[in-house]
Amino acid sequence: MSLSLNERIWMLAWPLLLSNLTAPLLGLVDTAVVGHLAHPRYLAAVALGGNFFMFLYFSFNFLRMGTTGFASQARGGGRDTRVVLLRGLALSCALGLALIALSPLLREAGLWLLGGSDEAQGLARDYIDIRILGAPAALANFALIGFAIGTHNTRVPLKMTVLMHSTNALLDVLLVQVWHWDVRGVATASAIAEYVGLIGGLFWLRHALRSPSQPEPVWRLSALLALMSVNRDIFIRSLALLTAFFFFTAQGARLGDTVLAANAVLITFLLILSNLLDGFANAAEALVGEAQGKGDHAGFREAVSATGRWTIGCAALGLAGFALGGAPLIGLLTDLPAIRDTATAYLPWVLLLPLTASAGFWLDGIFVGATWGAAMRNTMLVSVALFFAIWALTQPWENHGLWLTMNAFMAARGMCMGWVLWRNRR
């Protein structure tokens, strides 16, 4: 019996929701293991190194998005999907090797931006030098996960995530607690876990690597240029998004340590919301891409409408959860009275995020599936420009102005992308 569209969305989304929920566990395990060492500089070093890789790898998330869009369209059009995966893996490995070659420059630039004591930075250098060796596998995993989503194999990302995190946790305990490798052990565990995840992903997707009866050439120039074009646009979009978040953090730091810490607590709410919405955004990527590949305009509209309804439901759930559980969650995240009171004072701005940010996450999925990379780039650049303009006007309001700017940025992103979608659908 064929599934309804809503059933297909849920079947695609639930493994990704679980995968997103397990994502923060990796940082918690690293923190817990290093947090029991003799000196706080070890924890500071892992925090610096972890932030370095979070922003570095996020910049290359286009490998996941681009592969999803092309794989879903190839699936919908009945074309060779294997070649999409091979192109994504080749590009990922090339970029990963380039990151290793450039790691001394990237490391020093990143640590200069992040700051920290000389002792913490010295240990962070060791961490980065070791963990960067896992870059080819980490980027290849983006391509594998993107391909799995695009071909509707969404249980594979969940299995890969569980495998990587369990491997990392086991090696953390062994290398740090038993063999006393301190931050070097944490970095080694993370790098090895990336390769273990890559092996697992290739195994679970092995059927996709079998050559079809009429294979498409991997190195066809027009297809490679299309892949590079979409990836370039999404890369620029990701850098613009990172710029806005970096600036938000830096301006909060200028208002004092208490405000900086309170904002860090409140940003957790946005991360929770994004993890909740991403599962359905990923489902939108797969379904929209499939319809686009088939040239099925009615299917495209149905996928947009159905995933939009799921997004509205998630936004309502997020709003209710934040309203009822916001203050208790702040108390769970920090027991320092000054930070807790400051975060609670700015909590009303966070309650707006389900209303202002949800459309942008959903439309990201639509645009990825349709491979509208240029539109993603342009709408993000416009939104970031509005971010800085609104911040300039609201500086007298200090942190209230900063949170107003963040909400306006999220809303502008959704409205700009919504206008593009409306124009293209017409």
Protein backbone atom coordinates (compact mmCIF):
# COMPACT_ATOMS: atom_id res chain seq x y z
CA MET A 1 0.00 0.00 0.00
CA SER A 2 1.41 3.39 -0.97
CA LEU A 3 2.06 5.87 1.83
CA SER A 4 0.35 9.26 2.03
CA LEU A 5 2.51 12.35 1.64
CA ASN A 6 2.39 13.09 5.38
CA GLU A 7 3.41 9.51 6.16
CA ARG A 8 6.34 9.82 3.73
CA ILE A 9 7.41 13.07 5.40
CA TRP A 10 7.33 11.46 8.83
CA MET A 11 9.21 8.36 7.63
CA LEU A 12 11.92 10.61 6.20
CA ALA A 13 12.03 12.97 9.17
CA TRP A 14 12.04 10.81 12.29
CA PRO A 15 15.51 9.23 11.82
CA LEU A 16 16.94 12.71 11.17
CA LEU A 17 15.22 14.09 14.27
CA LEU A 18 16.85 11.37 16.38
CA SER A 19 20.19 11.99 14.67
CA ASN A 20 19.95 15.71 15.48
CA LEU A 21 19.12 14.95 19.11
CA THR A 22 22.26 12.83 19.47
CA ALA A 23 24.51 15.50 17.90
CA PRO A 24 25.11 17.50 21.14
CA LEU A 25 26.19 14.31 22.94
CA LEU A 26 29.63 14.39 21.31
CA GLY A 27 30.50 17.73 22.89
CA LEU A 28 29.12 16.58 26.24
CA VAL A 29 31.31 13.45 26.22
CA ASP A 30 34.45 15.43 25.33
CA THR A 31 33.67 17.98 28.05
CA ALA A 32 32.93 15.32 30.68
CA VAL A 33 36.15 13.38 30.00
CA VAL A 34 38.47 16.40 29.92
CA GLY A 35 36.59 18.14 32.74
CA HIS A 36 37.96 15.55 35.17
CA LEU A 37 41.61 16.28 34.38
CA ALA A 38 43.81 18.10 36.87
CA HIS A 39 43.79 21.59 35.34
CA PRO A 40 41.05 23.71 33.69
CA ARG A 41 43.39 24.58 30.79
CA TYR A 42 42.62 21.18 29.26
CA LEU A 43 38.91 21.93 29.18
CA ALA A 44 39.59 25.42 27.79
CA ALA A 45 41.76 23.92 25.04
CA VAL A 46 39.10 21.43 24.00
CA ALA A 47 36.51 24.24 23.98
CA LEU A 48 38.74 26.32 21.70
CA GLY A 49 39.49 23.38 19.42
CA GLY A 50 35.87 22.26 19.34
CA ASN A 51 34.68 25.74 18.35
CA PHE A 52 37.38 25.91 15.66
CA PHE A 53 36.13 22.70 14.03
CA MET A 54 32.48 23.55 14.49
CA PHE A 55 32.86 26.71 12.43
CA LEU A 56 35.36 25.18 9.99
CA TYR A 57 33.18 22.18 9.16
CA PHE A 58 29.98 24.23 9.11
CA SER A 59 31.55 26.25 6.29
CA PHE A 60 31.68 23.05 4.23
CA ASN A 61 28.12 21.99 4.92
CA PHE A 62 27.44 22.80 1.26
CA LEU A 63 28.81 19.33 0.51
CA ARG A 64 25.82 17.88 2.33
CA MET A 65 23.26 20.27 0.87
CA GLY A 66 24.50 20.17 -2.72
CA THR A 67 24.70 16.39 -2.77
CA THR A 68 21.17 16.10 -1.36
CA GLY A 69 19.70 18.32 -4.06
CA PHE A 70 21.39 16.60 -7.00
CA ALA A 71 20.79 13.09 -5.62
CA SER A 72 17.08 13.70 -5.04
CA GLN A 73 16.67 15.17 -8.52
CA ALA A 74 18.53 12.26 -10.11
CA ARG A 75 16.31 9.83 -8.20
CA GLY A 76 13.16 11.62 -9.29
CA GLY A 77 14.31 11.72 -12.91
CA GLY A 78 15.30 8.05 -12.98
CA ARG A 79 18.94 8.94 -13.64
CA ASP A 80 22.19 7.51 -12.27
CA THR A 81 22.42 8.48 -8.58
CA ARG A 82 25.74 6.67 -8.03
CA VAL A 83 27.60 9.31 -10.01
CA VAL A 84 26.28 12.06 -7.71
CA LEU A 85 27.77 10.28 -4.70
CA LEU A 86 31.10 9.66 -6.43
CA ARG A 87 31.41 13.32 -7.43
CA GLY A 88 30.55 14.42 -3.89
CA LEU A 89 33.10 12.03 -2.36
CA ALA A 90 35.83 13.11 -4.79
CA LEU A 91 35.24 16.79 -4.03
CA SER A 92 35.10 16.10 -0.28
CA CYS A 93 38.40 14.22 -0.25
CA ALA A 94 40.13 16.91 -2.33
CA LEU A 95 38.91 19.65 0.02
CA GLY A 96 39.81 17.61 3.10
CA LEU A 97 43.39 17.15 1.88
CA ALA A 98 43.54 20.88 1.13
CA LEU A 99 42.46 21.64 4.72
CA ILE A 100 45.28 19.44 6.05
CA ALA A 101 47.79 21.25 3.83
CA LEU A 102 46.52 24.67 4.94
CA SER A 103 46.00 23.70 8.58
CA PRO A 104 48.91 25.76 10.03
CA LEU A 105 47.46 28.96 8.55
CA LEU A 106 43.88 28.07 9.45
CA ARG A 107 44.89 27.09 12.99
CA GLU A 108 46.69 30.35 13.75
CA ALA A 109 43.93 32.48 12.23
CA GLY A 110 41.26 30.59 14.15
CA LEU A 111 43.04 30.78 17.50
CA TRP A 112 43.74 34.47 16.98
CA LEU A 113 40.01 35.06 16.56
CA LEU A 114 38.99 32.78 19.44
CA GLY A 115 41.52 34.08 21.99
CA GLY A 116 42.30 32.28 25.26
CA SER A 117 45.35 31.96 27.53
CA ASP A 118 48.77 30.99 26.16
CA GLU A 119 48.59 27.60 27.89
CA ALA A 120 45.11 26.84 26.52
CA GLN A 121 46.12 27.97 23.03
CA GLY A 122 49.22 25.75 23.12
CA LEU A 123 47.13 22.70 23.96
CA ALA A 124 44.51 23.74 21.39
CA ARG A 125 47.24 23.71 18.72
CA ASP A 126 47.97 20.07 19.55
CA TYR A 127 44.26 19.30 19.39
CA ILE A 128 43.81 20.96 15.99
CA ASP A 129 46.96 19.41 14.49
CA ILE A 130 45.67 15.92 15.31
CA ARG A 131 41.96 16.29 14.62
CA ILE A 132 42.50 17.99 11.23
CA LEU A 133 43.80 14.63 9.97
CA GLY A 134 40.18 13.46 10.02
CA ALA A 135 39.08 16.26 7.64
CA PRO A 136 38.83 14.10 4.48
CA ALA A 137 36.54 11.66 6.31
CA ALA A 138 34.53 14.42 7.99
CA LEU A 139 33.80 16.13 4.66
CA ALA A 140 33.14 12.81 2.91
CA ASN A 141 30.57 12.07 5.63
CA PHE A 142 28.75 15.26 4.62
CA ALA A 143 28.48 13.90 1.08
CA LEU A 144 27.33 10.48 2.32
CA ILE A 145 24.66 11.97 4.59
CA GLY A 146 23.50 14.30 1.83
CA PHE A 147 23.26 11.42 -0.62
CA ALA A 148 21.36 9.28 1.89
CA ILE A 149 18.81 12.05 2.47
CA GLY A 150 18.46 12.70 -1.26
CA THR A 151 17.81 9.02 -2.00
CA HIS A 152 15.34 8.68 0.94
CA ASN A 153 17.70 6.47 3.02
CA THR A 154 17.37 8.68 6.10
CA ARG A 155 18.12 5.85 8.54
CA VAL A 156 21.71 5.80 7.30
CA PRO A 157 22.58 9.23 8.82
CA LEU A 158 21.11 8.05 12.13
CA LYS A 159 23.21 4.86 12.08
CA MET A 160 26.32 6.82 11.08
CA THR A 161 25.79 9.34 13.89
CA VAL A 162 25.29 6.64 16.52
CA LEU A 163 28.35 4.74 15.28
CA MET A 164 30.57 7.84 15.28
CA HIS A 165 29.45 9.07 18.69
CA SER A 166 29.75 5.66 20.38
CA THR A 167 33.22 5.17 18.85
CA ASN A 168 34.25 8.63 19.97
CA ALA A 169 32.98 8.08 23.52
CA LEU A 170 34.74 4.72 23.86
CA LEU A 171 38.03 6.09 22.54
CA ASP A 172 37.71 9.20 24.74
CA VAL A 173 37.63 7.05 27.86
CA LEU A 174 40.40 4.75 26.64
CA LEU A 175 42.82 7.43 25.37
CA VAL A 176 42.24 10.08 28.05
CA GLN A 177 41.33 8.21 31.22
CA VAL A 178 43.39 5.04 30.68
CA TRP A 179 46.34 6.15 28.52
CA HIS A 180 46.43 9.80 29.74
CA TRP A 181 46.76 11.47 26.33
CA ASP A 182 44.83 14.56 27.62
CA VAL A 183 43.60 16.78 24.72
CA ARG A 184 45.56 14.73 22.20
CA GLY A 185 43.43 11.75 23.13
CA VAL A 186 40.20 13.69 22.58
CA ALA A 187 41.42 14.88 19.17
CA THR A 188 42.57 11.40 18.17
CA ALA A 189 39.23 9.91 19.21
CA SER A 190 37.34 12.45 17.09
CA ALA A 191 39.53 11.90 14.01
CA ILE A 192 39.27 8.10 14.21
CA ALA A 193 35.49 8.30 14.76
CA GLU A 194 35.14 10.26 11.49
CA TYR A 195 36.85 7.44 9.55
CA VAL A 196 34.78 4.80 11.34
CA GLY A 197 31.63 6.72 10.37
CA LEU A 198 32.85 6.91 6.77
CA ILE A 199 33.41 3.14 6.63
CA GLY A 200 29.98 2.52 8.13
CA GLY A 201 28.30 4.93 5.72
CA LEU A 202 29.96 3.33 2.69
CA PHE A 203 28.87 -0.10 3.95
CA TRP A 204 25.24 0.93 4.48
CA LEU A 205 25.14 2.65 1.08
CA ARG A 206 27.11 -0.03 -0.76
CA HIS A 207 24.14 -0.86 -3.00
CA ALA A 208 24.22 2.71 -4.30
CA LEU A 209 27.81 2.26 -5.50
CA ARG A 210 26.93 -0.56 -7.88
CA SER A 211 27.26 0.53 -11.48
CA PRO A 212 23.91 0.84 -13.29
CA SER A 213 23.28 -0.64 -16.71
CA GLN A 214 23.83 2.78 -18.33
CA PRO A 215 26.27 4.64 -16.06
CA GLU A 216 26.89 8.36 -16.47
CA PRO A 217 30.55 9.51 -16.69
CA VAL A 218 31.77 10.72 -13.32
CA TRP A 219 33.97 13.44 -14.78
CA ARG A 220 31.41 14.96 -17.16
CA LEU A 221 32.40 18.64 -17.25
CA SER A 222 28.92 20.19 -17.34
CA ALA A 223 27.76 18.16 -14.33
CA LEU A 224 30.92 18.98 -12.35
CA LEU A 225 30.51 22.69 -13.12
CA ALA A 226 26.87 22.57 -11.98
CA LEU A 227 27.93 20.88 -8.72
CA MET A 228 30.70 23.42 -8.14
CA SER A 229 28.36 26.33 -8.91
CA VAL A 230 25.69 25.25 -6.41
CA ASN A 231 28.32 24.40 -3.79
CA ARG A 232 30.03 27.77 -4.29
CA ASP A 233 26.76 29.64 -3.75
CA ILE A 234 25.86 27.65 -0.64
CA PHE A 235 29.42 28.15 0.69
CA ILE A 236 29.05 31.93 0.36
CA ARG A 237 25.66 31.70 2.01
CA SER A 238 27.14 29.73 4.95
CA LEU A 239 29.97 32.23 5.42
CA ALA A 240 27.45 35.09 5.49
CA LEU A 241 25.39 33.24 8.12
CA LEU A 242 28.50 32.58 10.22
CA THR A 243 29.44 36.27 9.97
CA ALA A 244 26.11 37.28 11.51
CA PHE A 245 26.48 34.81 14.40
CA PHE A 246 30.13 35.75 15.00
CA PHE A 247 29.14 39.41 15.13
CA PHE A 248 26.24 38.68 17.49
CA THR A 249 28.60 36.88 19.88
CA ALA A 250 31.27 39.61 19.65
CA GLN A 251 28.78 42.40 20.38
CA GLY A 252 27.45 40.46 23.34
CA ALA A 253 31.01 40.14 24.65
CA ARG A 254 31.40 43.92 24.50
CA LEU A 255 28.47 44.24 26.90
CA GLY A 256 30.29 42.23 29.58
CA ASP A 257 30.92 38.64 30.59
CA THR A 258 27.51 38.24 32.19
CA VAL A 259 25.66 39.27 29.03
CA LEU A 260 27.98 37.11 26.91
CA ALA A 261 27.27 34.06 29.08
CA ALA A 262 23.52 34.77 29.17
CA ASN A 263 23.39 35.06 25.39
CA ALA A 264 25.27 31.76 25.07
CA VAL A 265 22.61 30.13 27.26
CA LEU A 266 19.79 31.64 25.18
CA ILE A 267 21.35 30.62 21.86
CA THR A 268 20.81 27.04 23.08
CA PHE A 269 17.09 27.62 22.49
CA LEU A 270 17.78 28.45 18.83
CA LEU A 271 19.88 25.27 18.52
CA ILE A 272 17.03 23.20 19.98
CA LEU A 273 14.58 24.79 17.54
CA SER A 274 16.88 24.21 14.57
CA ASN A 275 17.35 20.54 15.49
CA LEU A 276 13.59 20.14 15.73
CA LEU A 277 12.95 21.80 12.36
CA ASP A 278 15.86 20.33 10.43
CA GLY A 279 14.31 16.87 10.25
CA PHE A 280 11.35 18.22 8.28
CA ALA A 281 13.55 20.59 6.27
CA ASN A 282 15.59 17.54 5.22
CA ALA A 283 12.39 15.74 4.27
CA ALA A 284 11.49 18.76 2.15
CA GLU A 285 14.88 18.50 0.42
CA ALA A 286 14.23 14.89 -0.57
CA LEU A 287 10.62 15.34 -1.70
CA VAL A 288 11.10 18.65 -3.52
CA GLY A 289 14.22 17.37 -5.27
CA GLU A 290 12.41 14.23 -6.37
CA ALA A 291 9.52 16.27 -7.79
CA GLN A 292 11.94 18.66 -9.47
CA GLY A 293 13.77 15.72 -11.07
CA LYS A 294 10.50 14.32 -12.40
CA GLY A 295 9.34 17.70 -13.67
CA ASP A 296 6.25 17.14 -11.48
CA HIS A 297 4.97 20.64 -10.72
CA ALA A 298 1.94 19.40 -8.79
CA GLY A 299 4.17 17.14 -6.68
CA PHE A 300 6.49 20.08 -6.04
CA ARG A 301 3.60 22.23 -4.76
CA GLU A 302 2.25 19.39 -2.61
CA ALA A 303 5.68 18.78 -1.04
CA VAL A 304 6.06 22.50 -0.29
CA SER A 305 2.59 22.75 1.25
CA ALA A 306 2.80 19.56 3.33
CA THR A 307 6.26 20.26 4.76
CA GLY A 308 5.12 23.83 5.45
CA ARG A 309 2.26 22.50 7.60
CA TRP A 310 4.69 20.29 9.55
CA THR A 311 6.91 23.36 10.07
CA ILE A 312 3.98 25.36 11.46
CA GLY A 313 3.29 22.51 13.88
CA CYS A 314 6.92 22.42 14.99
CA ALA A 315 6.95 26.21 15.44
CA ALA A 316 3.85 25.99 17.65
CA LEU A 317 5.44 23.18 19.66
CA GLY A 318 8.64 25.19 20.05
CA LEU A 319 6.76 28.29 21.16
CA ALA A 320 4.78 26.34 23.76
CA GLY A 321 7.91 24.56 24.99
CA PHE A 322 9.90 27.76 25.31
CA ALA A 323 7.04 29.56 27.07
CA LEU A 324 6.45 26.78 29.60
CA GLY A 325 9.98 25.44 30.00
CA GLY A 326 12.17 28.45 29.23
CA ALA A 327 12.93 29.51 32.79
CA PRO A 328 13.48 25.92 34.05
CA LEU A 329 15.82 25.23 31.11
CA ILE A 330 17.85 28.35 31.91
CA GLY A 331 18.13 27.11 35.50
CA LEU A 332 19.28 23.72 34.22
CA LEU A 333 21.95 25.27 31.98
CA THR A 334 23.42 27.55 34.67
CA ASP A 335 23.21 27.85 38.44
CA LEU A 336 24.98 31.24 38.59
CA PRO A 337 22.39 33.79 39.78
CA ALA A 338 23.67 36.74 37.72
CA ILE A 339 23.70 34.78 34.46
CA ARG A 340 20.36 33.11 35.21
CA ASP A 341 18.66 36.44 36.00
CA THR A 342 20.13 38.12 32.92
CA ALA A 343 19.09 35.28 30.63
CA THR A 344 15.57 35.32 32.10
CA ALA A 345 15.31 39.07 31.45
CA TYR A 346 15.97 38.50 27.73
CA LEU A 347 13.87 35.33 27.46
CA PRO A 348 10.90 37.12 25.78
CA TRP A 349 13.09 37.72 22.72
CA VAL A 350 13.75 33.99 22.51
CA LEU A 351 10.02 33.28 22.60
CA LEU A 352 9.78 35.11 19.26
CA LEU A 353 12.27 32.79 17.54
CA PRO A 354 9.75 30.03 16.65
CA LEU A 355 7.73 32.75 14.87
CA THR A 356 10.63 34.55 13.17
CA ALA A 357 13.07 31.71 12.41
CA SER A 358 10.97 28.68 11.46
CA ALA A 359 10.18 29.74 7.89
CA GLY A 360 13.87 30.17 7.08
CA PHE A 361 14.75 26.62 8.16
CA TRP A 362 11.86 25.16 6.14
CA LEU A 363 12.65 27.20 3.03
CA ASP A 364 16.30 26.14 3.25
CA GLY A 365 15.05 22.61 2.66
CA ILE A 366 12.91 23.70 -0.32
CA PHE A 367 15.80 25.59 -1.92
CA VAL A 368 18.31 22.77 -1.35
CA GLY A 369 15.99 20.23 -2.98
CA ALA A 370 15.42 22.55 -5.93
CA THR A 371 19.20 23.35 -6.07
CA TRP A 372 18.46 27.09 -6.02
CA GLY A 373 21.95 27.83 -4.73
CA ALA A 374 22.16 31.35 -6.17
CA ALA A 375 18.85 32.28 -4.55
CA MET A 376 20.07 30.92 -1.18
CA ARG A 377 23.21 33.04 -1.52
CA ASN A 378 21.43 36.22 -2.56
CA THR A 379 18.66 36.07 0.05
CA MET A 380 21.22 35.43 2.79
CA LEU A 381 23.39 38.37 1.67
CA VAL A 382 20.34 40.66 1.70
CA SER A 383 19.35 39.39 5.16
CA VAL A 384 22.85 39.91 6.56
CA ALA A 385 22.91 43.45 5.15
CA LEU A 386 19.60 44.11 6.95
CA PHE A 387 21.10 42.53 10.10
CA PHE A 388 23.89 45.11 10.21
CA ALA A 389 21.56 47.99 9.31
CA ILE A 390 19.09 47.13 12.09
CA TRP A 391 21.94 46.60 14.57
CA ALA A 392 23.28 50.09 13.77
CA LEU A 393 19.86 51.59 14.48
CA THR A 394 19.28 49.68 17.74
CA GLN A 395 22.67 50.11 19.43
CA PRO A 396 21.23 52.40 22.14
CA TRP A 397 19.09 49.45 23.31
CA GLU A 398 22.25 47.38 23.95
CA ASN A 399 21.42 43.66 24.34
CA HIS A 400 17.70 44.20 23.73
CA GLY A 401 18.69 45.77 20.43
CA LEU A 402 20.97 42.85 19.68
CA TRP A 403 18.18 40.31 20.18
CA LEU A 404 15.78 42.45 18.17
CA THR A 405 18.38 42.41 15.40
CA MET A 406 18.68 38.61 15.56
CA ASN A 407 14.92 38.15 15.32
CA ALA A 408 14.68 40.66 12.47
CA PHE A 409 17.50 38.85 10.65
CA MET A 410 15.71 35.52 10.96
CA ALA A 411 12.42 37.02 9.81
CA ALA A 412 14.06 38.80 6.87
CA ARG A 413 15.67 35.54 5.78
CA GLY A 414 12.31 33.77 5.74
CA MET A 415 10.53 36.63 3.96
CA CYS A 416 13.21 36.98 1.26
CA MET A 417 13.20 33.26 0.56
CA GLY A 418 9.40 33.19 0.67
CA TRP A 419 9.25 35.92 -1.98
CA VAL A 420 11.62 33.93 -4.23
CA LEU A 421 9.52 30.78 -3.78
CA TRP A 422 6.30 32.67 -4.58
CA ARG A 423 7.86 34.21 -7.70
CA ASN A 424 9.24 30.87 -8.93
CA ARG A 425 5.99 29.01 -8.30
CA ARG A 426 4.12 31.61 -10.34
